[in-house]
Structures are given as C-alpha cells and as structure tokens.
Amino acid sequence: MEQKRIAIVAHNNKKRDILEWARFNKILLAQHDLYATETTGKLLEQELGSDVQKLQSGPLGGDQQIGAKISIQEIDMLIFFWDPLELHPHDPDVQALLRIAVVWNIPIACNRASADFLISSPLMCNEYQPYLPDYQRDLEQSYEDLAAQV
C-alpha cells in the first residue's frame, strides 16, 4: 500500500459533509497521512480518532500553507469541500489553492462525489507519479522570447 499525503479542507457550511465523508472512509483514511486547516483538522481528529497534521485556519493562512506544501510536492491529493454559494473574505486564498493544485497536477475533489471517486480509485493503493510540467523551461523560454523582443 502506497501511503498518500492528503490535504483536507472544508468551509464552515461543508464541515458536516466532510465529517460524514471522513467517517464513511475512516478505514481508508487511516492508511494515509492527513493534513488539514486548523478547525477542520481538529474535527477530523475527533471523528477519526487519529492524528491530523493541522495548519493555520484557512482565513489565517492555512490555505496558503497547503498550497506551499503542494508546490514542493508534500501533498499528493486535495479534498476541499468548498461552499460555492457563500461569500468568503479569503476567496483569493481559496482560488490560489485550487490554482496551485492544478499547476502541480494533483487530484482535487471539491464535493463528496468527486472525493468518493478519488478515494476509491485503484491508484490510491499504488505508487503514482503525476506528470510534473517543466515550468522552469517554460519560464526560461518566456525570458528568451522577451529578451529577443527588446
């Protein structure tokens, strides 16, 4: 069994949903390293009875901390039950987190259905090497293109 590093985040209106999902997947989640923003992490520890690496609350920088871990390949999957019907003062952080997960090509689940598909995938049990784009090459090419225009 290949252990995955899973980040779990939930907006306040989605915390009940994430806890129900986690309870249903308790045995599978126990086989992996879990990371979460502070409040979600505390609730998950109570629900699952196992340790969760807790970061800051989302509005206080937790979303950005998870994004940083994704960018240095310390997170393999993001489960983020976000509330699309509620305004959030830290919405730019939420968008940045989702963007960085896409940039670094990690699986993202934004609702229970997609989380169920991800957690039940045969790839959860095996080593998986996602394709990582060569952004350094792209940046160097962009720099060369700009330099040629000047």
N, C-alpha and C. Protein backbone atom coordinates (compact mmCIF):
# COMPACT_ATOMS: atom_id res chain seq x y z
N MET A 1 0.85 -1.18 0.00
CA MET A 1 0.00 0.00 0.00
C MET A 1 0.89 1.24 0.00
N GLU A 2 0.70 2.07 -0.98
CA GLU A 2 1.43 3.33 -1.09
C GLU A 2 0.69 4.39 -0.28
N GLN A 3 1.35 4.90 0.74
CA GLN A 3 0.74 5.92 1.60
C GLN A 3 0.71 7.27 0.88
N LYS A 4 -0.44 7.90 0.89
CA LYS A 4 -0.62 9.21 0.26
C LYS A 4 -0.67 10.29 1.33
N ARG A 5 -0.33 11.50 0.93
CA ARG A 5 -0.43 12.68 1.80
C ARG A 5 -1.63 13.48 1.30
N ILE A 6 -2.69 13.47 2.10
CA ILE A 6 -3.97 14.04 1.69
C ILE A 6 -4.26 15.29 2.50
N ALA A 7 -4.49 16.40 1.80
CA ALA A 7 -4.93 17.63 2.46
C ALA A 7 -6.45 17.68 2.42
N ILE A 8 -7.04 17.99 3.57
CA ILE A 8 -8.49 18.05 3.68
C ILE A 8 -8.88 19.42 4.21
N VAL A 9 -9.76 20.09 3.46
CA VAL A 9 -10.21 21.43 3.81
C VAL A 9 -11.72 21.47 3.62
N ALA A 10 -12.40 22.23 4.47
CA ALA A 10 -13.85 22.38 4.31
C ALA A 10 -14.28 23.74 4.83
N HIS A 11 -15.08 24.43 4.04
CA HIS A 11 -15.68 25.67 4.52
C HIS A 11 -16.69 25.33 5.63
N ASN A 12 -17.01 26.32 6.44
CA ASN A 12 -17.88 26.09 7.60
C ASN A 12 -19.17 25.39 7.24
N ASN A 13 -19.82 25.80 6.15
CA ASN A 13 -21.09 25.18 5.76
C ASN A 13 -20.92 23.76 5.22
N LYS A 14 -19.68 23.33 5.01
CA LYS A 14 -19.41 22.00 4.47
C LYS A 14 -18.72 21.08 5.48
N LYS A 15 -18.52 21.56 6.69
CA LYS A 15 -17.81 20.74 7.70
C LYS A 15 -18.59 19.46 8.03
N ARG A 16 -19.90 19.57 8.16
CA ARG A 16 -20.71 18.37 8.43
C ARG A 16 -20.54 17.35 7.30
N ASP A 17 -20.55 17.83 6.05
CA ASP A 17 -20.38 16.93 4.89
C ASP A 17 -19.02 16.24 4.92
N ILE A 18 -17.96 17.01 5.22
CA ILE A 18 -16.62 16.41 5.21
C ILE A 18 -16.47 15.39 6.33
N LEU A 19 -17.10 15.67 7.47
CA LEU A 19 -17.03 14.72 8.59
C LEU A 19 -17.80 13.44 8.28
N GLU A 20 -18.96 13.56 7.65
CA GLU A 20 -19.70 12.36 7.24
C GLU A 20 -18.90 11.55 6.23
N TRP A 21 -18.28 12.25 5.28
CA TRP A 21 -17.45 11.58 4.27
C TRP A 21 -16.26 10.88 4.94
N ALA A 22 -15.62 11.58 5.87
CA ALA A 22 -14.46 11.00 6.56
C ALA A 22 -14.87 9.79 7.39
N ARG A 23 -16.00 9.87 8.06
CA ARG A 23 -16.49 8.74 8.86
C ARG A 23 -16.72 7.53 7.96
N PHE A 24 -17.33 7.75 6.82
CA PHE A 24 -17.61 6.67 5.87
C PHE A 24 -16.31 6.05 5.35
N ASN A 25 -15.25 6.87 5.23
CA ASN A 25 -13.96 6.42 4.67
C ASN A 25 -12.88 6.28 5.73
N LYS A 26 -13.28 6.11 6.97
CA LYS A 26 -12.34 6.09 8.11
C LYS A 26 -11.21 5.07 7.93
N ILE A 27 -11.53 3.88 7.52
CA ILE A 27 -10.51 2.82 7.37
C ILE A 27 -9.50 3.19 6.28
N LEU A 28 -10.00 3.69 5.15
CA LEU A 28 -9.10 4.10 4.07
C LEU A 28 -8.23 5.29 4.49
N LEU A 29 -8.83 6.27 5.14
CA LEU A 29 -8.08 7.47 5.53
C LEU A 29 -7.00 7.15 6.57
N ALA A 30 -7.25 6.15 7.42
CA ALA A 30 -6.28 5.77 8.45
C ALA A 30 -4.97 5.26 7.84
N GLN A 31 -4.99 4.87 6.59
CA GLN A 31 -3.81 4.33 5.92
C GLN A 31 -2.94 5.42 5.28
N HIS A 32 -3.35 6.69 5.44
CA HIS A 32 -2.65 7.79 4.77
C HIS A 32 -2.33 8.90 5.77
N ASP A 33 -1.43 9.80 5.37
CA ASP A 33 -1.09 10.97 6.17
C ASP A 33 -2.07 12.08 5.84
N LEU A 34 -2.71 12.61 6.87
CA LEU A 34 -3.72 13.64 6.66
C LEU A 34 -3.22 15.00 7.12
N TYR A 35 -3.53 16.01 6.33
CA TYR A 35 -3.22 17.40 6.63
C TYR A 35 -4.53 18.16 6.52
N ALA A 36 -4.71 19.18 7.35
CA ALA A 36 -5.95 19.94 7.28
C ALA A 36 -5.72 21.34 7.86
N THR A 37 -6.62 22.24 7.48
CA THR A 37 -6.62 23.53 8.14
C THR A 37 -7.11 23.30 9.57
N GLU A 38 -6.88 24.27 10.43
CA GLU A 38 -6.99 24.06 11.89
C GLU A 38 -8.33 23.50 12.37
N THR A 39 -9.41 24.19 12.10
CA THR A 39 -10.70 23.74 12.62
C THR A 39 -11.10 22.41 12.01
N THR A 40 -10.94 22.27 10.71
CA THR A 40 -11.26 21.01 10.05
C THR A 40 -10.40 19.89 10.63
N GLY A 41 -9.13 20.17 10.86
CA GLY A 41 -8.23 19.17 11.42
C GLY A 41 -8.65 18.69 12.80
N LYS A 42 -9.04 19.63 13.65
CA LYS A 42 -9.49 19.25 15.00
C LYS A 42 -10.74 18.38 14.92
N LEU A 43 -11.68 18.76 14.07
CA LEU A 43 -12.90 17.97 13.92
C LEU A 43 -12.61 16.59 13.36
N LEU A 44 -11.69 16.52 12.40
CA LEU A 44 -11.32 15.22 11.82
C LEU A 44 -10.64 14.33 12.86
N GLU A 45 -9.77 14.89 13.68
CA GLU A 45 -9.12 14.08 14.72
C GLU A 45 -10.16 13.48 15.67
N GLN A 46 -11.15 14.28 16.06
CA GLN A 46 -12.21 13.78 16.94
C GLN A 46 -13.02 12.69 16.24
N GLU A 47 -13.34 12.92 14.99
CA GLU A 47 -14.18 11.98 14.24
C GLU A 47 -13.45 10.67 13.94
N LEU A 48 -12.19 10.78 13.55
CA LEU A 48 -11.43 9.61 13.11
C LEU A 48 -10.65 8.93 14.23
N GLY A 49 -10.38 9.67 15.30
CA GLY A 49 -9.57 9.10 16.39
C GLY A 49 -8.13 8.90 16.00
N SER A 50 -7.65 9.67 15.02
CA SER A 50 -6.25 9.57 14.60
C SER A 50 -5.70 10.97 14.36
N ASP A 51 -4.37 11.04 14.34
CA ASP A 51 -3.70 12.34 14.20
C ASP A 51 -3.89 12.93 12.81
N VAL A 52 -4.03 14.25 12.81
CA VAL A 52 -4.09 15.02 11.58
C VAL A 52 -3.09 16.15 11.73
N GLN A 53 -2.23 16.34 10.76
CA GLN A 53 -1.29 17.47 10.77
C GLN A 53 -2.10 18.74 10.53
N LYS A 54 -2.22 19.57 11.57
CA LYS A 54 -3.04 20.78 11.47
C LYS A 54 -2.20 22.00 11.13
N LEU A 55 -2.71 22.78 10.17
CA LEU A 55 -2.08 24.03 9.77
C LEU A 55 -2.95 25.17 10.29
N GLN A 56 -2.68 26.38 9.88
CA GLN A 56 -3.48 27.51 10.30
C GLN A 56 -4.91 27.38 9.78
N SER A 57 -5.82 28.13 10.38
CA SER A 57 -7.16 28.25 9.85
C SER A 57 -7.06 28.82 8.44
N GLY A 58 -7.99 28.45 7.57
CA GLY A 58 -7.96 28.93 6.18
C GLY A 58 -7.80 30.43 6.05
N PRO A 59 -8.66 31.23 6.69
CA PRO A 59 -8.56 32.68 6.56
C PRO A 59 -7.28 33.27 7.15
N LEU A 60 -6.60 32.51 8.01
CA LEU A 60 -5.37 32.99 8.63
C LEU A 60 -4.11 32.48 7.94
N GLY A 61 -4.27 31.87 6.78
CA GLY A 61 -3.13 31.42 6.01
C GLY A 61 -3.03 29.93 5.77
N GLY A 62 -3.96 29.16 6.33
CA GLY A 62 -3.90 27.70 6.16
C GLY A 62 -4.02 27.25 4.72
N ASP A 63 -4.87 27.92 3.95
CA ASP A 63 -4.99 27.58 2.52
C ASP A 63 -3.66 27.79 1.82
N GLN A 64 -2.98 28.88 2.16
CA GLN A 64 -1.69 29.17 1.56
C GLN A 64 -0.62 28.19 2.02
N GLN A 65 -0.69 27.75 3.28
CA GLN A 65 0.26 26.74 3.76
C GLN A 65 0.10 25.44 3.00
N ILE A 66 -1.13 25.04 2.77
CA ILE A 66 -1.37 23.82 1.99
C ILE A 66 -0.86 24.01 0.56
N GLY A 67 -1.13 25.17 -0.02
CA GLY A 67 -0.63 25.46 -1.36
C GLY A 67 0.88 25.38 -1.43
N ALA A 68 1.56 25.88 -0.40
CA ALA A 68 3.03 25.80 -0.37
C ALA A 68 3.49 24.35 -0.32
N LYS A 69 2.81 23.52 0.47
CA LYS A 69 3.17 22.10 0.55
C LYS A 69 2.94 21.40 -0.80
N ILE A 70 1.88 21.80 -1.49
CA ILE A 70 1.63 21.23 -2.82
C ILE A 70 2.77 21.61 -3.76
N SER A 71 3.21 22.86 -3.71
CA SER A 71 4.23 23.33 -4.65
C SER A 71 5.59 22.68 -4.43
N ILE A 72 5.82 22.12 -3.25
CA ILE A 72 7.09 21.40 -3.02
C ILE A 72 6.85 19.89 -2.93
N GLN A 73 5.75 19.44 -3.52
CA GLN A 73 5.39 18.03 -3.63
C GLN A 73 5.29 17.32 -2.29
N GLU A 74 4.73 17.99 -1.28
CA GLU A 74 4.50 17.37 0.03
C GLU A 74 3.03 17.00 0.24
N ILE A 75 2.19 17.26 -0.76
CA ILE A 75 0.78 16.87 -0.73
C ILE A 75 0.48 16.15 -2.04
N ASP A 76 -0.17 14.98 -1.93
CA ASP A 76 -0.48 14.18 -3.12
C ASP A 76 -1.90 14.36 -3.63
N MET A 77 -2.80 14.86 -2.76
CA MET A 77 -4.21 14.96 -3.12
C MET A 77 -4.86 16.04 -2.26
N LEU A 78 -5.81 16.75 -2.85
CA LEU A 78 -6.55 17.79 -2.12
C LEU A 78 -8.03 17.45 -2.13
N ILE A 79 -8.59 17.31 -0.94
CA ILE A 79 -10.04 17.17 -0.77
C ILE A 79 -10.50 18.49 -0.17
N PHE A 80 -11.25 19.27 -0.93
CA PHE A 80 -11.65 20.61 -0.50
C PHE A 80 -13.15 20.78 -0.73
N PHE A 81 -13.92 20.55 0.31
CA PHE A 81 -15.36 20.76 0.23
C PHE A 81 -15.60 22.25 0.43
N TRP A 82 -15.71 22.99 -0.67
CA TRP A 82 -15.91 24.43 -0.57
C TRP A 82 -17.35 24.77 -0.88
N ASP A 83 -17.76 25.88 -0.35
CA ASP A 83 -19.15 26.31 -0.47
C ASP A 83 -19.27 27.35 -1.57
N PRO A 84 -19.79 26.96 -2.74
CA PRO A 84 -19.86 27.89 -3.86
C PRO A 84 -20.98 28.93 -3.73
N LEU A 85 -21.85 28.76 -2.74
CA LEU A 85 -22.98 29.68 -2.58
C LEU A 85 -22.75 30.74 -1.50
N GLU A 86 -21.63 30.68 -0.83
CA GLU A 86 -21.32 31.60 0.27
C GLU A 86 -20.13 32.47 -0.11
N LEU A 87 -20.21 33.75 0.22
CA LEU A 87 -19.07 34.63 0.02
C LEU A 87 -18.06 34.40 1.14
N HIS A 88 -16.78 34.41 0.80
CA HIS A 88 -15.72 34.19 1.78
C HIS A 88 -14.71 35.33 1.68
N PRO A 89 -14.37 35.93 2.82
CA PRO A 89 -13.41 37.03 2.77
C PRO A 89 -12.03 36.59 2.27
N HIS A 90 -11.72 35.32 2.41
CA HIS A 90 -10.42 34.82 1.95
C HIS A 90 -10.54 34.10 0.60
N ASP A 91 -11.53 34.48 -0.21
CA ASP A 91 -11.73 33.84 -1.51
C ASP A 91 -10.48 33.87 -2.40
N PRO A 92 -9.68 34.96 -2.39
CA PRO A 92 -8.44 34.90 -3.20
C PRO A 92 -7.51 33.76 -2.77
N ASP A 93 -7.49 33.45 -1.46
CA ASP A 93 -6.66 32.34 -0.98
C ASP A 93 -7.22 31.01 -1.48
N VAL A 94 -8.53 30.89 -1.47
CA VAL A 94 -9.18 29.67 -1.95
C VAL A 94 -8.85 29.46 -3.43
N GLN A 95 -9.01 30.51 -4.22
CA GLN A 95 -8.71 30.42 -5.64
C GLN A 95 -7.24 30.09 -5.88
N ALA A 96 -6.36 30.68 -5.07
CA ALA A 96 -4.92 30.40 -5.21
C ALA A 96 -4.62 28.94 -4.88
N LEU A 97 -5.29 28.41 -3.86
CA LEU A 97 -5.08 27.00 -3.50
C LEU A 97 -5.52 26.08 -4.63
N LEU A 98 -6.70 26.32 -5.16
CA LEU A 98 -7.19 25.49 -6.27
C LEU A 98 -6.27 25.63 -7.49
N ARG A 99 -5.82 26.84 -7.75
CA ARG A 99 -4.93 27.08 -8.89
C ARG A 99 -3.62 26.32 -8.73
N ILE A 100 -3.01 26.38 -7.54
CA ILE A 100 -1.71 25.73 -7.34
C ILE A 100 -1.85 24.20 -7.43
N ALA A 101 -3.01 23.67 -7.01
CA ALA A 101 -3.23 22.23 -7.14
C ALA A 101 -3.29 21.84 -8.61
N VAL A 102 -3.89 22.69 -9.43
CA VAL A 102 -3.94 22.42 -10.87
C VAL A 102 -2.56 22.59 -11.48
N VAL A 103 -1.85 23.63 -11.09
CA VAL A 103 -0.50 23.88 -11.62
C VAL A 103 0.40 22.67 -11.38
N TRP A 104 0.33 22.08 -10.18
CA TRP A 104 1.21 20.96 -9.84
C TRP A 104 0.55 19.61 -10.09
N ASN A 105 -0.60 19.63 -10.78
CA ASN A 105 -1.20 18.41 -11.31
C ASN A 105 -1.50 17.36 -10.23
N ILE A 106 -2.11 17.80 -9.13
CA ILE A 106 -2.53 16.82 -8.14
C ILE A 106 -4.05 16.66 -8.23
N PRO A 107 -4.57 15.50 -7.86
CA PRO A 107 -6.01 15.29 -7.89
C PRO A 107 -6.71 16.19 -6.88
N ILE A 108 -7.86 16.73 -7.28
CA ILE A 108 -8.65 17.61 -6.42
C ILE A 108 -10.08 17.10 -6.42
N ALA A 109 -10.66 17.05 -5.23
CA ALA A 109 -12.09 16.75 -5.10
C ALA A 109 -12.73 17.93 -4.40
N CYS A 110 -13.77 18.48 -5.00
CA CYS A 110 -14.44 19.65 -4.42
C CYS A 110 -15.82 19.33 -3.89
N ASN A 111 -16.23 18.07 -3.96
CA ASN A 111 -17.51 17.66 -3.40
C ASN A 111 -17.45 16.17 -3.08
N ARG A 112 -18.50 15.68 -2.45
CA ARG A 112 -18.48 14.28 -2.00
C ARG A 112 -18.36 13.29 -3.15
N ALA A 113 -19.04 13.55 -4.24
CA ALA A 113 -18.98 12.62 -5.36
C ALA A 113 -17.56 12.48 -5.90
N SER A 114 -16.89 13.61 -6.12
CA SER A 114 -15.52 13.52 -6.64
C SER A 114 -14.58 12.95 -5.59
N ALA A 115 -14.81 13.24 -4.31
CA ALA A 115 -13.97 12.66 -3.25
C ALA A 115 -14.16 11.15 -3.19
N ASP A 116 -15.39 10.68 -3.37
CA ASP A 116 -15.64 9.24 -3.39
C ASP A 116 -14.91 8.56 -4.55
N PHE A 117 -14.94 9.18 -5.72
CA PHE A 117 -14.23 8.61 -6.87
C PHE A 117 -12.73 8.55 -6.61
N LEU A 118 -12.17 9.63 -6.07
CA LEU A 118 -10.72 9.64 -5.81
C LEU A 118 -10.31 8.61 -4.78
N ILE A 119 -11.00 8.59 -3.64
CA ILE A 119 -10.58 7.72 -2.54
C ILE A 119 -10.76 6.24 -2.90
N SER A 120 -11.68 5.94 -3.81
CA SER A 120 -11.91 4.55 -4.19
C SER A 120 -11.12 4.12 -5.43
N SER A 121 -10.33 5.02 -5.97
CA SER A 121 -9.55 4.70 -7.16
C SER A 121 -8.49 3.64 -6.84
N PRO A 122 -8.25 2.70 -7.76
CA PRO A 122 -7.17 1.73 -7.57
C PRO A 122 -5.81 2.41 -7.42
N LEU A 123 -5.67 3.63 -7.92
CA LEU A 123 -4.40 4.35 -7.80
C LEU A 123 -4.08 4.74 -6.36
N MET A 124 -5.08 4.72 -5.47
CA MET A 124 -4.84 5.04 -4.06
C MET A 124 -3.92 4.03 -3.41
N CYS A 125 -3.91 2.81 -3.89
CA CYS A 125 -3.14 1.74 -3.27
C CYS A 125 -1.74 1.59 -3.87
N ASN A 126 -1.48 2.26 -4.96
CA ASN A 126 -0.23 2.07 -5.67
C ASN A 126 0.57 3.36 -5.74
N GLU A 127 1.84 3.21 -6.02
CA GLU A 127 2.65 4.39 -6.26
C GLU A 127 2.17 5.06 -7.53
N TYR A 128 2.09 6.36 -7.47
CA TYR A 128 1.65 7.12 -8.63
C TYR A 128 2.54 8.34 -8.78
N GLN A 129 3.13 8.50 -9.94
CA GLN A 129 3.96 9.66 -10.22
C GLN A 129 3.22 10.55 -11.20
N PRO A 130 2.66 11.66 -10.70
CA PRO A 130 1.95 12.55 -11.62
C PRO A 130 2.94 13.24 -12.56
N TYR A 131 2.46 13.57 -13.72
CA TYR A 131 3.26 14.34 -14.65
C TYR A 131 3.45 15.72 -14.05
N LEU A 132 4.70 16.15 -13.93
CA LEU A 132 5.01 17.48 -13.43
C LEU A 132 5.54 18.32 -14.58
N PRO A 133 4.82 19.36 -14.93
CA PRO A 133 5.27 20.23 -16.02
C PRO A 133 6.64 20.84 -15.70
N ASP A 134 7.41 21.10 -16.73
CA ASP A 134 8.72 21.73 -16.56
C ASP A 134 8.55 23.24 -16.67
N TYR A 135 8.09 23.84 -15.58
CA TYR A 135 7.83 25.28 -15.60
C TYR A 135 9.11 26.08 -15.72
N GLN A 136 10.21 25.57 -15.21
CA GLN A 136 11.48 26.29 -15.33
C GLN A 136 11.85 26.47 -16.79
N ARG A 137 11.68 25.42 -17.58
CA ARG A 137 11.97 25.50 -19.02
C ARG A 137 11.05 26.54 -19.67
N ASP A 138 9.77 26.51 -19.30
CA ASP A 138 8.81 27.46 -19.86
C ASP A 138 9.18 28.89 -19.49
N LEU A 139 9.59 29.10 -18.24
CA LEU A 139 9.98 30.44 -17.80
C LEU A 139 11.22 30.93 -18.55
N GLU A 140 12.19 30.02 -18.73
CA GLU A 140 13.40 30.40 -19.46
C GLU A 140 13.07 30.74 -20.91
N GLN A 141 12.17 29.97 -21.52
CA GLN A 141 11.77 30.25 -22.90
C GLN A 141 11.06 31.59 -22.98
N SER A 142 10.18 31.88 -22.02
CA SER A 142 9.49 33.18 -21.99
C SER A 142 10.49 34.32 -21.85
N TYR A 143 11.50 34.12 -20.99
CA TYR A 143 12.53 35.14 -20.80
C TYR A 143 13.30 35.37 -22.10
N GLU A 144 13.66 34.29 -22.78
CA GLU A 144 14.39 34.42 -24.03
C GLU A 144 13.54 35.14 -25.08
N ASP A 145 12.25 34.80 -25.13
CA ASP A 145 11.34 35.47 -26.07
C ASP A 145 11.24 36.97 -25.78
N LEU A 146 11.14 37.32 -24.50
CA LEU A 146 11.06 38.73 -24.12
C LEU A 146 12.36 39.46 -24.45
N ALA A 147 13.49 38.79 -24.16
CA ALA A 147 14.79 39.40 -24.43
C ALA A 147 14.98 39.64 -25.91
N ALA A 148 14.48 38.74 -26.76
CA ALA A 148 14.61 38.90 -28.21
C ALA A 148 13.77 40.07 -28.72
N GLN A 149 12.69 40.38 -28.02
CA GLN A 149 11.82 41.48 -28.43
C GLN A 149 12.38 42.85 -28.06
N VAL A 150 13.27 42.87 -27.09
CA VAL A 150 13.78 44.17 -26.59
C VAL A 150 14.91 44.67 -27.46
